[in-house]
Amino acid sequence: MPGTVQSIERAAAVLRLLAAAPDGLGVADLGNALGLAKTTVHGILRTLHQVGFVEQDHSGAHYHLSDAFGRLGESYLDPNELRSRAINWADSLASRSGEVVRVGRLVEGKVEVVHHVFRPDDSDQDLDVGTTLPPHATALGKAVLAYDTSARPRSLEAYTTRTITDPVQLGEELATVRSRGWATEFEEHTVELASIAAPIRGLGGLVVGAVGLAGRIERICDSRLRHRGDLVTMVRATADAIARDLRDDT
């Protein structure tokens, strides 16, 4: 059997020590307790701080567990942060594709739209920010649902005759999403509409949301009703760009 990962063992030990020290601990304190060099401890603390698990006091001399560490079951990324990092890239995707673009994240089993870019034409459109979408019937939802098994909907409501309502079929669909890295939908939520989406990954590869475009079938799909490869490429590149911004700024 493979051995344990020493760096993770050390990080876990640091977290345990901090959990038992309400007033926090300094680098020297942790180094003495664990028999580690200060440079090693500082590297561990820097990484734990980067992922939001520890914080420094005002003096910068002591570290303690962050509030976020106690809420690991919740989304670690604020929706406003996701939106701010996605705005420019989503706007560019809408301009290049000519379609509606949305950025969303999973919240209590639904996909919450945190950013919405109108289709760049003069048609009447309603702003979707703050609304929710069914994860099993939209590409945006599948792109995040595929990486979060705890959020699988218990009941799969049918919105059209094409909506996936069988849990086994949904599981197969999500496995396909994971293997290729992007999701699609064809008249599963709204008749005559199709969509494409890709997951947005934060620190450590954790999927924190998705970006996708949607439009009429004749614009999203080719003559053989396959989702257009150029649009898939655009969506995946946009998701990667947002992910880079998230990692670079944390």
Protein backbone atom coordinates (compact mmCIF):
# COMPACT_ATOMS: atom_id res chain seq x y z
CA MET A 1 0.00 0.00 0.00
CA PRO A 2 1.25 3.55 -0.69
CA GLY A 3 2.64 5.49 2.25
CA THR A 4 1.20 8.61 3.81
CA VAL A 5 1.92 12.12 2.55
CA GLN A 6 4.19 13.81 5.08
CA SER A 7 3.23 17.39 4.18
CA ILE A 8 -0.45 16.62 4.81
CA GLU A 9 0.37 14.94 8.12
CA ARG A 10 2.27 18.05 9.19
CA ALA A 11 -0.50 20.39 8.09
CA ALA A 12 -3.04 18.30 10.04
CA ALA A 13 -0.82 18.50 13.12
CA VAL A 14 -0.62 22.28 12.80
CA LEU A 15 -4.41 22.51 12.54
CA ARG A 16 -4.85 20.32 15.63
CA LEU A 17 -2.47 22.49 17.65
CA LEU A 18 -4.21 25.69 16.55
CA ALA A 19 -7.62 24.19 17.37
CA ALA A 20 -6.44 23.68 20.95
CA ALA A 21 -5.02 27.21 21.28
CA PRO A 22 -7.79 29.84 21.31
CA ASP A 23 -5.24 32.64 21.65
CA GLY A 24 -3.26 31.40 18.67
CA LEU A 25 0.30 30.20 18.28
CA GLY A 26 3.43 31.61 16.72
CA VAL A 27 5.77 29.98 14.23
CA ALA A 28 8.29 29.21 16.97
CA ASP A 29 5.61 27.67 19.19
CA LEU A 30 4.46 25.36 16.41
CA GLY A 31 8.03 24.50 15.41
CA ASN A 32 8.93 23.54 18.96
CA ALA A 33 5.80 21.46 19.40
CA LEU A 34 6.33 19.53 16.18
CA GLY A 35 10.12 19.46 16.06
CA LEU A 36 10.13 21.29 12.72
CA ALA A 37 12.26 24.11 11.39
CA LYS A 38 10.68 27.57 11.36
CA THR A 39 10.93 27.73 7.57
CA THR A 40 8.96 24.49 7.26
CA VAL A 41 6.27 25.68 9.67
CA HIS A 42 6.06 29.04 7.92
CA GLY A 43 5.54 27.31 4.56
CA ILE A 44 2.72 25.20 6.01
CA LEU A 45 1.07 28.24 7.58
CA ARG A 46 1.40 30.26 4.38
CA THR A 47 -0.39 27.52 2.44
CA LEU A 48 -3.11 27.11 5.07
CA HIS A 49 -3.60 30.87 5.05
CA GLN A 50 -3.83 30.90 1.26
CA VAL A 51 -6.64 28.33 1.26
CA GLY A 52 -8.44 30.22 4.03
CA PHE A 53 -7.97 27.75 6.92
CA VAL A 54 -5.87 29.97 9.21
CA GLU A 55 -5.61 33.68 9.92
CA GLN A 56 -3.01 35.94 11.53
CA ASP A 57 -3.72 38.28 14.41
CA HIS A 58 -3.23 42.02 14.00
CA SER A 59 0.40 41.83 15.09
CA GLY A 60 1.15 39.10 12.58
CA ALA A 61 2.91 37.11 15.32
CA HIS A 62 0.24 34.50 15.99
CA TYR A 63 -1.95 32.27 13.88
CA HIS A 64 -5.37 30.85 14.66
CA LEU A 65 -8.03 28.85 12.85
CA SER A 66 -10.25 30.89 10.57
CA ASP A 67 -14.03 31.00 10.72
CA ALA A 68 -14.07 29.41 7.28
CA PHE A 69 -12.35 26.30 8.64
CA GLY A 70 -15.35 25.72 10.87
CA ARG A 71 -17.66 25.94 7.86
CA LEU A 72 -16.02 23.43 5.55
CA GLY A 73 -19.39 22.14 4.44
CA GLU A 74 -20.23 25.52 2.96
CA SER A 75 -18.93 27.13 -0.21
CA TYR A 76 -15.57 28.68 0.60
CA LEU A 77 -15.82 31.23 -2.21
CA ASP A 78 -18.03 34.25 -1.75
CA PRO A 79 -20.45 34.63 -4.71
CA ASN A 80 -19.40 38.26 -5.14
CA GLU A 81 -15.79 37.14 -5.48
CA LEU A 82 -16.74 34.60 -8.15
CA ARG A 83 -18.76 37.21 -9.99
CA SER A 84 -16.02 39.86 -9.85
CA ARG A 85 -13.44 37.45 -11.28
CA ALA A 86 -15.83 36.26 -13.99
CA ILE A 87 -17.30 39.55 -15.25
CA ASN A 88 -14.74 40.48 -17.89
CA TRP A 89 -14.34 36.93 -19.19
CA ALA A 90 -18.10 36.29 -19.32
CA ASP A 91 -18.71 39.58 -21.12
CA SER A 92 -16.07 38.64 -23.68
CA LEU A 93 -17.65 35.20 -24.20
CA ALA A 94 -21.06 36.77 -24.84
CA SER A 95 -19.55 39.22 -27.32
CA ARG A 96 -17.67 36.53 -29.25
CA SER A 97 -20.42 33.91 -29.23
CA GLY A 98 -23.42 36.22 -29.61
CA GLU A 99 -25.27 34.26 -26.93
CA VAL A 100 -26.52 34.59 -23.36
CA VAL A 101 -23.80 33.80 -20.82
CA ARG A 102 -24.32 32.84 -17.18
CA VAL A 103 -22.02 32.10 -14.27
CA GLY A 104 -23.46 29.98 -11.48
CA ARG A 105 -22.68 27.98 -8.37
CA LEU A 106 -24.42 25.25 -6.39
CA VAL A 107 -26.46 26.44 -3.42
CA GLU A 108 -28.67 24.00 -1.51
CA GLY A 109 -29.11 21.71 -4.49
CA LYS A 110 -29.88 24.46 -7.00
CA VAL A 111 -27.70 26.47 -9.36
CA GLU A 112 -27.69 30.12 -8.33
CA VAL A 113 -26.92 32.55 -11.15
CA VAL A 114 -24.28 35.01 -9.86
CA HIS A 115 -23.61 36.74 -13.17
CA HIS A 116 -25.68 37.06 -16.34
CA VAL A 117 -24.66 38.68 -19.62
CA PHE A 118 -27.44 39.45 -22.09
CA ARG A 119 -27.29 38.23 -25.66
CA PRO A 120 -25.71 41.15 -27.56
CA ASP A 121 -28.72 42.17 -29.62
CA ASP A 122 -31.77 44.41 -29.19
CA SER A 123 -34.17 41.71 -27.98
CA ASP A 124 -36.05 42.01 -24.67
CA GLN A 125 -34.28 39.99 -21.96
CA ASP A 126 -34.75 39.59 -18.20
CA LEU A 127 -31.84 39.66 -15.77
CA ASP A 128 -31.34 36.25 -14.14
CA VAL A 129 -28.89 37.19 -11.36
CA GLY A 130 -30.11 35.69 -8.08
CA THR A 131 -32.46 33.20 -9.72
CA THR A 132 -31.93 29.45 -9.55
CA LEU A 133 -31.81 26.74 -12.21
CA PRO A 134 -32.33 22.97 -11.88
CA PRO A 135 -28.89 21.33 -11.90
CA HIS A 136 -29.99 18.14 -13.66
CA ALA A 137 -31.67 19.94 -16.57
CA THR A 138 -29.07 22.58 -17.51
CA ALA A 139 -25.50 22.46 -18.75
CA LEU A 140 -24.53 25.03 -16.11
CA GLY A 141 -25.89 22.74 -13.43
CA LYS A 142 -24.35 19.54 -14.78
CA ALA A 143 -20.95 21.22 -14.96
CA VAL A 144 -20.91 21.67 -11.18
CA LEU A 145 -23.10 18.74 -10.17
CA ALA A 146 -20.67 16.30 -11.79
CA TYR A 147 -18.07 17.19 -9.16
CA ASP A 148 -20.32 17.38 -6.07
CA THR A 149 -22.04 14.07 -5.32
CA SER A 150 -23.50 15.42 -2.06
CA ALA A 151 -25.67 17.83 -4.06
CA ARG A 152 -27.41 15.26 -6.29
CA PRO A 153 -31.12 16.15 -6.40
CA ARG A 154 -33.37 13.55 -4.79
CA SER A 155 -36.18 14.09 -7.27
CA LEU A 156 -35.55 14.82 -10.94
CA GLU A 157 -38.38 17.03 -12.15
CA ALA A 158 -39.25 16.90 -15.83
CA TYR A 159 -39.28 20.26 -17.59
CA THR A 160 -39.58 18.86 -21.12
CA THR A 161 -39.82 15.41 -22.65
CA ARG A 162 -36.01 15.43 -22.94
CA THR A 163 -35.26 16.14 -19.27
CA ILE A 164 -33.25 13.40 -17.58
CA THR A 165 -35.46 11.97 -14.81
CA ASP A 166 -33.71 8.63 -14.24
CA PRO A 167 -30.95 8.78 -11.57
CA VAL A 168 -28.91 6.11 -13.34
CA GLN A 169 -29.00 8.02 -16.62
CA LEU A 170 -28.06 11.22 -14.81
CA GLY A 171 -25.12 9.44 -13.21
CA GLU A 172 -23.91 8.32 -16.63
CA GLU A 173 -24.33 11.85 -18.00
CA LEU A 174 -22.29 13.33 -15.15
CA ALA A 175 -19.57 10.71 -15.64
CA THR A 176 -19.33 11.89 -19.25
CA VAL A 177 -19.03 15.49 -18.05
CA ARG A 178 -16.12 14.54 -15.77
CA SER A 179 -14.33 12.58 -18.49
CA ARG A 180 -14.46 15.32 -21.12
CA GLY A 181 -14.46 18.41 -18.88
CA TRP A 182 -17.61 20.16 -20.16
CA ALA A 183 -21.38 19.75 -20.09
CA THR A 184 -24.21 20.11 -22.59
CA GLU A 185 -27.97 20.30 -22.61
CA PHE A 186 -30.43 19.93 -25.48
CA GLU A 187 -34.05 20.98 -24.89
CA GLU A 188 -33.87 19.54 -21.37
CA HIS A 189 -34.97 22.71 -19.60
CA THR A 190 -36.62 24.77 -22.33
CA VAL A 191 -37.88 23.60 -25.71
CA GLU A 192 -35.85 24.85 -28.72
CA LEU A 193 -32.90 25.89 -26.53
CA ALA A 194 -29.52 24.24 -25.97
CA SER A 195 -26.55 25.10 -23.78
CA ILE A 196 -22.87 24.42 -23.10
CA ALA A 197 -20.98 24.91 -19.82
CA ALA A 198 -17.65 24.18 -18.18
CA PRO A 199 -16.59 23.98 -14.52
CA ILE A 200 -14.55 26.72 -12.84
CA ARG A 201 -11.85 25.35 -10.55
CA GLY A 202 -10.43 27.21 -7.57
CA LEU A 203 -7.47 26.39 -5.34
CA GLY A 204 -6.53 22.74 -5.28
CA GLY A 205 -8.75 22.02 -8.28
CA LEU A 206 -11.98 22.38 -6.30
CA VAL A 207 -14.92 23.21 -8.57
CA VAL A 208 -16.46 26.45 -7.27
CA GLY A 209 -18.91 27.19 -10.08
CA ALA A 210 -19.43 27.06 -13.82
CA VAL A 211 -19.75 29.33 -16.82
CA GLY A 212 -21.95 28.58 -19.78
CA LEU A 213 -23.81 29.93 -22.78
CA ALA A 214 -27.29 29.17 -24.02
CA GLY A 215 -29.33 29.90 -27.13
CA ARG A 216 -31.56 28.52 -29.83
CA ILE A 217 -30.63 25.09 -31.13
CA GLU A 218 -29.85 26.30 -34.63
CA ARG A 219 -27.17 28.63 -33.23
CA ILE A 220 -25.70 26.35 -30.54
CA CYS A 221 -25.69 23.13 -32.58
CA ASP A 222 -24.50 22.20 -36.06
CA SER A 223 -26.58 20.70 -38.87
CA ARG A 224 -26.30 17.26 -37.21
CA LEU A 225 -27.60 18.69 -33.92
CA ARG A 226 -24.22 18.35 -32.24
CA HIS A 227 -23.06 21.14 -29.97
CA ARG A 228 -20.67 23.30 -31.97
CA GLY A 229 -17.01 22.62 -31.30
CA ASP A 230 -15.99 26.27 -31.58
CA LEU A 231 -18.45 27.25 -28.86
CA VAL A 232 -17.25 24.42 -26.62
CA THR A 233 -13.70 25.69 -27.04
CA MET A 234 -14.77 29.25 -26.17
CA VAL A 235 -16.62 28.14 -23.04
CA ARG A 236 -13.76 25.95 -21.78
CA ALA A 237 -11.22 28.72 -22.40
CA THR A 238 -13.41 31.16 -20.47
CA ALA A 239 -13.71 28.77 -17.51
CA ASP A 240 -9.93 28.28 -17.48
CA ALA A 241 -9.34 32.05 -17.59
CA ILE A 242 -11.66 32.66 -14.64
CA ALA A 243 -9.97 29.85 -12.73
CA ARG A 244 -6.54 31.39 -13.31
CA ASP A 245 -7.76 34.73 -12.00
CA LEU A 246 -9.17 33.05 -8.89
CA ARG A 247 -5.91 31.23 -8.15
CA ASP A 248 -3.66 34.17 -8.93
CA ASP A 249 -5.56 36.51 -6.61
CA THR A 250 -5.76 34.22 -3.60
